[in-house]
């Protein structure tokens, strides 16, 4: 099973961490705000069984979150500066194998990925954190019929990247649809 780092412990990060832990993924949930991590820890503790709780590790730095990650999902605002900063940090701190999935409707995944040394390992989740959070209801994240989720892959995004991200979101209850964009 892969290790998933989720950057941002707000509502979306908590929901994704919960769904991933319930399906057996090892999760590293990061937030720079200690209060967000505390709230996430309490929320997840209430919803996870004692057996699944150890699957989630709460960390206070991006480096601690991504150092062993196979997949990184950022849950930061869909603003160019925020996205570039996160992708830059992940690119420099994560192992070369790490895939980056970023929710965005406003940014070009081709442009964002080109700012990294792993452009073939970047994919967009065509949604805002708010729309993903509303789609990520508890029912969706426990494997019932889930919400459709559009993934946008650039022409240079590898098939292995697409497969890993599709498998992850399928496992936690979404119905991923992949769109290869031309840029």
Protein backbone atom coordinates (compact mmCIF):
# COMPACT_ATOMS: atom_id res chain seq x y z
CA UNK A 1 0.00 0.00 0.00
CA UNK A 2 1.24 3.47 -0.78
CA UNK A 3 1.98 6.30 1.63
CA UNK A 4 -0.13 9.40 1.05
CA UNK A 5 0.89 12.85 2.29
CA UNK A 6 -1.94 15.35 2.55
CA UNK A 7 -0.87 18.97 2.82
CA UNK A 8 -3.50 20.94 4.72
CA UNK A 9 -5.65 19.62 7.59
CA UNK A 10 -8.75 21.66 6.84
CA UNK A 11 -12.07 20.04 5.92
CA UNK A 12 -10.80 18.54 2.65
CA UNK A 13 -7.54 17.27 4.13
CA UNK A 14 -9.38 15.66 7.03
CA UNK A 15 -11.92 13.97 4.72
CA UNK A 16 -9.23 12.63 2.40
CA UNK A 17 -7.12 11.43 5.34
CA UNK A 18 -10.13 9.70 6.85
CA UNK A 19 -11.07 7.97 3.59
CA UNK A 20 -7.48 6.91 2.93
CA UNK A 21 -6.99 5.53 6.44
CA UNK A 22 -10.27 3.60 6.29
CA UNK A 23 -9.14 1.87 3.13
CA UNK A 24 -5.73 0.93 4.50
CA UNK A 25 -3.44 3.66 3.23
CA UNK A 26 -0.69 5.06 5.44
CA UNK A 27 -1.45 8.80 5.76
CA UNK A 28 0.73 11.72 6.79
CA UNK A 29 -1.47 14.76 7.42
CA UNK A 30 0.36 18.10 7.57
CA UNK A 31 -0.66 21.61 8.45
CA UNK A 32 1.45 24.60 9.46
CA UNK A 33 -1.26 25.66 11.91
CA UNK A 34 -1.10 23.59 15.11
CA UNK A 35 -4.78 24.33 15.80
CA UNK A 36 -5.77 22.78 12.45
CA UNK A 37 -3.78 19.65 13.25
CA UNK A 38 -5.32 19.43 16.72
CA UNK A 39 -8.84 19.78 15.29
CA UNK A 40 -8.06 17.19 12.60
CA UNK A 41 -6.66 14.77 15.19
CA UNK A 42 -9.79 15.03 17.34
CA UNK A 43 -12.14 14.77 14.36
CA UNK A 44 -10.39 11.75 12.87
CA UNK A 45 -10.06 10.05 16.25
CA UNK A 46 -13.85 10.22 16.67
CA UNK A 47 -14.51 8.68 13.26
CA UNK A 48 -11.83 6.01 12.91
CA UNK A 49 -11.79 2.66 14.60
CA UNK A 50 -8.91 2.13 17.05
CA UNK A 51 -7.36 -0.29 14.53
CA UNK A 52 -7.34 2.28 11.71
CA UNK A 53 -6.23 5.28 13.79
CA UNK A 54 -2.51 4.40 13.71
CA UNK A 55 -2.65 4.69 9.91
CA UNK A 56 -2.73 8.50 10.27
CA UNK A 57 0.32 10.42 11.44
CA UNK A 58 -0.06 14.14 12.15
CA UNK A 59 3.01 16.20 11.23
CA UNK A 60 3.86 19.87 11.45
CA UNK A 61 6.16 20.28 8.44
CA UNK A 62 5.96 19.57 4.75
CA UNK A 63 9.33 17.87 4.88
CA UNK A 64 8.09 15.38 7.49
CA UNK A 65 4.97 14.74 5.43
CA UNK A 66 6.57 14.14 2.04
CA UNK A 67 9.88 12.45 2.86
CA UNK A 68 8.36 8.94 2.49
CA UNK A 69 5.33 9.78 0.34
CA UNK A 70 4.38 8.02 -2.84
CA UNK A 71 1.50 10.45 -3.43
CA UNK A 72 1.13 14.04 -2.24
CA UNK A 73 -2.22 15.82 -2.37
CA UNK A 74 -2.19 19.49 -1.55
CA UNK A 75 -5.27 21.07 -0.03
CA UNK A 76 -4.14 24.69 -0.23
CA UNK A 77 -6.16 27.53 -1.81
CA UNK A 78 -6.35 27.55 -5.60
CA UNK A 79 -4.10 30.58 -5.94
CA UNK A 80 -1.05 30.62 -8.17
CA UNK A 81 1.39 31.64 -5.43
CA UNK A 82 0.12 28.96 -3.03
CA UNK A 83 0.26 26.23 -5.67
CA UNK A 84 3.73 27.19 -6.87
CA UNK A 85 5.08 27.31 -3.33
CA UNK A 86 3.69 23.88 -2.43
CA UNK A 87 4.83 22.24 -5.67
CA UNK A 88 8.29 23.80 -5.27
CA UNK A 89 8.61 22.52 -1.70
CA UNK A 90 7.31 19.04 -2.49
CA UNK A 91 9.54 18.79 -5.55
CA UNK A 92 12.62 19.52 -3.47
CA UNK A 93 11.77 17.47 -0.37
CA UNK A 94 10.03 14.35 -1.70
CA UNK A 95 11.71 11.30 -3.21
CA UNK A 96 11.88 11.24 -7.02
CA UNK A 97 9.09 8.60 -7.19
CA UNK A 98 6.53 10.89 -5.51
CA UNK A 99 3.45 11.90 -7.50
CA UNK A 100 1.79 15.28 -6.91
CA UNK A 101 -1.99 15.72 -7.26
CA UNK A 102 -3.31 19.25 -6.91
CA UNK A 103 -6.93 20.42 -6.84
CA UNK A 104 -7.29 23.34 -9.24
CA UNK A 105 -9.78 24.89 -11.59
CA UNK A 106 -7.88 28.11 -12.17
CA UNK A 107 -4.32 26.94 -12.83
CA UNK A 108 -2.93 25.01 -15.78
CA UNK A 109 -1.47 21.68 -14.69
CA UNK A 110 0.97 21.98 -17.56
CA UNK A 111 2.25 25.31 -16.28
CA UNK A 112 2.37 24.15 -12.65
CA UNK A 113 4.10 20.88 -13.50
CA UNK A 114 6.67 22.64 -15.67
CA UNK A 115 7.87 24.46 -12.55
CA UNK A 116 9.01 21.14 -11.08
CA UNK A 117 11.66 18.57 -11.93
CA UNK A 118 8.94 15.90 -12.07
CA UNK A 119 6.41 17.24 -14.53
CA UNK A 120 5.49 13.71 -15.63
CA UNK A 121 4.42 13.02 -12.02
CA UNK A 122 1.94 15.91 -11.72
CA UNK A 123 -1.82 15.74 -12.23
CA UNK A 124 -4.69 18.12 -11.55
CA UNK A 125 -7.85 17.31 -9.67
CA UNK A 126 -10.36 19.45 -11.54
CA UNK A 127 -12.17 20.72 -8.48
CA UNK A 128 -11.88 23.35 -5.82
CA UNK A 129 -11.18 22.23 -2.25
CA UNK A 130 -14.71 23.41 -1.36
CA UNK A 131 -16.41 21.35 -4.08
CA UNK A 132 -14.25 18.33 -3.26
CA UNK A 133 -15.14 18.64 0.42
CA UNK A 134 -18.85 18.68 -0.33
CA UNK A 135 -18.47 15.68 -2.67
CA UNK A 136 -16.40 13.89 -0.05
CA UNK A 137 -19.26 13.11 2.26
CA UNK A 138 -18.77 10.36 4.80
CA UNK A 139 -20.83 8.01 2.64
CA UNK A 140 -18.60 8.63 -0.38
CA UNK A 141 -15.44 7.92 1.53
CA UNK A 142 -16.49 4.53 2.84
CA UNK A 143 -16.86 2.93 -0.56
CA UNK A 144 -20.47 3.48 -1.55
CA UNK A 145 -21.36 4.85 -4.96
CA UNK A 146 -19.19 7.94 -5.04
CA UNK A 147 -19.03 11.27 -6.72
CA UNK A 148 -17.45 11.58 -10.14
CA UNK A 149 -14.03 13.22 -9.98
CA UNK A 150 -12.33 14.75 -13.02
CA UNK A 151 -8.56 14.37 -13.21
CA UNK A 152 -6.66 16.46 -15.77
CA UNK A 153 -3.41 15.08 -17.11
CA UNK A 154 -1.01 17.10 -19.24
CA UNK A 155 0.38 15.51 -22.42
CA UNK A 156 3.58 14.68 -20.54
CA UNK A 157 1.88 13.20 -17.44
CA UNK A 158 2.96 9.55 -17.27
CA UNK A 159 0.52 6.66 -17.45
CA UNK A 160 1.93 5.41 -14.11
CA UNK A 161 1.01 8.74 -12.49
CA UNK A 162 -2.52 8.60 -13.87
CA UNK A 163 -2.91 4.99 -12.75
CA UNK A 164 -1.72 5.67 -9.20
CA UNK A 165 -4.05 8.65 -8.73
CA UNK A 166 -7.04 6.93 -10.33
CA UNK A 167 -6.49 3.89 -8.10
CA UNK A 168 -6.21 6.03 -4.96
CA UNK A 169 -9.41 7.98 -5.58
CA UNK A 170 -11.27 4.83 -6.66
CA UNK A 171 -10.24 3.10 -3.44
CA UNK A 172 -11.60 5.91 -1.28
CA UNK A 173 -14.94 5.95 -3.07
CA UNK A 174 -14.73 8.45 -5.93
CA UNK A 175 -15.36 7.67 -9.60
CA UNK A 176 -12.31 9.18 -11.33
CA UNK A 177 -12.55 10.28 -14.96
CA UNK A 178 -9.31 11.22 -16.73
CA UNK A 179 -9.06 13.99 -19.30
CA UNK A 180 -5.85 14.38 -21.27
CA UNK A 181 -5.52 18.08 -22.00
CA UNK A 182 -3.63 19.62 -24.87
CA UNK A 183 -1.54 22.61 -23.96
